[in-house]
Amino acid sequence: MESITLEQAAEYLREHDKYLILMHKSPDGDAVGSGYALCMALRNMGKRADTLCGDIIPPMYGYFTDMVQNEGFEPECIVSVDLATTNLLSGKALEYKDRIDLCIDHHGSNTGFAKYGFVDGRISSCAEIIKYLFDTMKIEITKNIADALFTGICTDTGCFKYSSVSPQTHIAAADLMEKGADSGYICHAMFDNKSKSKILLEKMVLDTLEFYGGECIAFVVITKAMMDESGAMECETDGIASIPRQIEGVKIGVTMKEKENGEYRFSVRTSDEIDASVICSRFGGGGHKAAAGCSIHSTFRDAKEKMIAACIEILEDRK
């Protein structure tokens, strides 16, 4: 991948047309906010643009995603946002994994799969990068775009409490508020508003809590049976991954989620001295130092043992 500047990324977007914007599977607020904001901005420039994610976009983001309906056309340029590796694509998006022209990302573990890429692991979120990209392009940020970008920033920073947050992050968020982002509604919807089914799921998940590595590792499980019994939607598992790491003394929090066909997805959250992306990269995943993810195709017991072993090994390496 050829690394380019933000100005070069802006020039690329100005010069081309018919964009398809890819987002990773199990899309979070940053992926959805970045993808839809870019799509809306390109359309406002007179370009054709669609979004594509292999999984269903959670309805909780409907306050800005409902404004964008795909047009359906043969794309000329493939752009990925918030995507560290093509292993995180799914469904129809996989068809384009070897055709990505431009990658915009903030994961230090990015595998360099695109023709061109702007990747800065120092920035809090992909949405923050997209905000700077729009500023560079002098694009008008409408209320819907502001809502999308604010959603991406606030969700990927844990409502501005992660170490990735810089003074520039707050300035960018404040500017989005001035442009119409409904910060109060968004923060409440993303962090405070929980359905009965999500509360029931969290209760079941906490019942699976186990400790390893001298109680430095906290491990929880989400099974398909739990999802069925609680009635929770896939998007309602967002935020659960942060729970194990919140326990005092825990350095690595792991959430193991059962998927289809022998796939188990892992979300890893770590303290400052442990790099979560190093753990997940061993299984073809990636992410940030404090938060990363991966998938293992195996039996439940084997997948669990492999992840625990990897976590214990990195803890031993730190001694």
Foldseek 3Di string as FASTA:
>chain_A
DAEDDLLVVLVVLVPDAQEEEEFFELGALQRQLLRLLVCVLSVVVVGAYDYDAQDDDDCLLVVQCVVDDHPDDDGDAYEYEQDQALVRGDHPVVVCQQPHAEYQHQFPNRPPRHVYYHYHVLAQGSLLVVLVSCVSNVTQQAQSSLQSSLSSRCLSCVNVPHPSHDPSSVVSNVVSVVRHHPNVVSCCSRPPDADQLLVQLLVVFVVQWDADLVRQEIETEAEPVSCVVSVDDSNSCPPSQCVRVPDPNHFKYWYWYDDPQQKIKIKIAGDPVAAPQVLQVVQVWGGGGGIIMHMDRDHPVVVVVSSSVSVNVRVVVVD
